[in-house]
């Protein structure tokens, strides 16, 4: 016969999985804390400055003869591929680009010194959480900082520490500013072909993925509560897309000026696994305010095959090859993808090995 203490212990052991089954969901669905009020007020001051008339300089104005690309890096780790990006910017004129980095101040991050990333970490960075509106705030801070810093910033490319370039800087710059055939979906050609021949485009569009019929969209819409997004964001206007994109200056200003939609998207989610607000806010905002001003696709290639817990497939060192770069470039929407993610940090060495002979050889 079994002793009473043994029976009690055995019963307790059997009950633990059952207890976890009922209790765990309470912890998994607990919303992340709201954005602190001091952070909100600090951001509001920054956004108002960036939205002022002084910063509303057109990227076609005579005061900005050299149009620039602002590269905005959003990270909560080291910049794993900084050496590859250093080579990307090597020998390029500073009159053509700027770099800005938002690094989570609560995480110990090694900051590169002596290269293009030196002193490019923005001072007003704040803590970020995955699947929370803090990632929206971080992107808005980067946009606002870049708007204020240089009126020549005409395109704003949002990237992560896991992103790599797929082409040379010259190819990227030419594709965004001068190529008349880069955007394969464009149905409204420039009204003056002579300007295009001179390397000037009259109108620019943002490159951002905007989808309206994705599976699970309703679950994402009600992640904060069934009717919480109403009336500002009805379900039929709710969109999903990539959190990494390239915006025009016009749309960057639109983002930092927004208050109406932000008041909805900043609310914490009760179903974090269905939330990912950074994948909804920007596509929804542009879709509602300027539906003809963007391309509906992103320039950052991501492999969602075998995705786990909302993370895309991560390439390993053994997979890095000229053939991989060629496949990642292939796009049905544009002449080529310009960037790609997600690569494990150990991929840096094999990427550097083929950087000059493959990646930056266009």
Foldseek 3Di string as FASTA:
>chain_A
DDDPVVVVVVVVVVCVVVVCVVPVLVVQLDWDDFDDPVLVVVLLVLLVVLLDPVLPFALPDPVLPAAAAEEEEEEAEELLQVVQVQVLCPPPDPSHYAYAYAYAPVHDYDFDPDTRRHPRYDPSHHHDDFLACSLVSSVLSRLSVVSVPDSSHFKYWYYYSQKHWQAHPVVVSCLQFADQAFFVPDPDGAPDVVCSVVRGGPAGAWAWAKDQDDPLLQVQVQQAHNCLQPDVADSNLWIFTDLTIMGGNVLSSLSSPDDVNCVRLSRIGSNSLSYRSSRTPSNSSCCVPPVPRHQNHGLEAFAQVPPDSPHTDEDELVPDDLVVSVVQQDDPGGPGRGMYDGYDSVNNVVCVVCSVVHRHPD
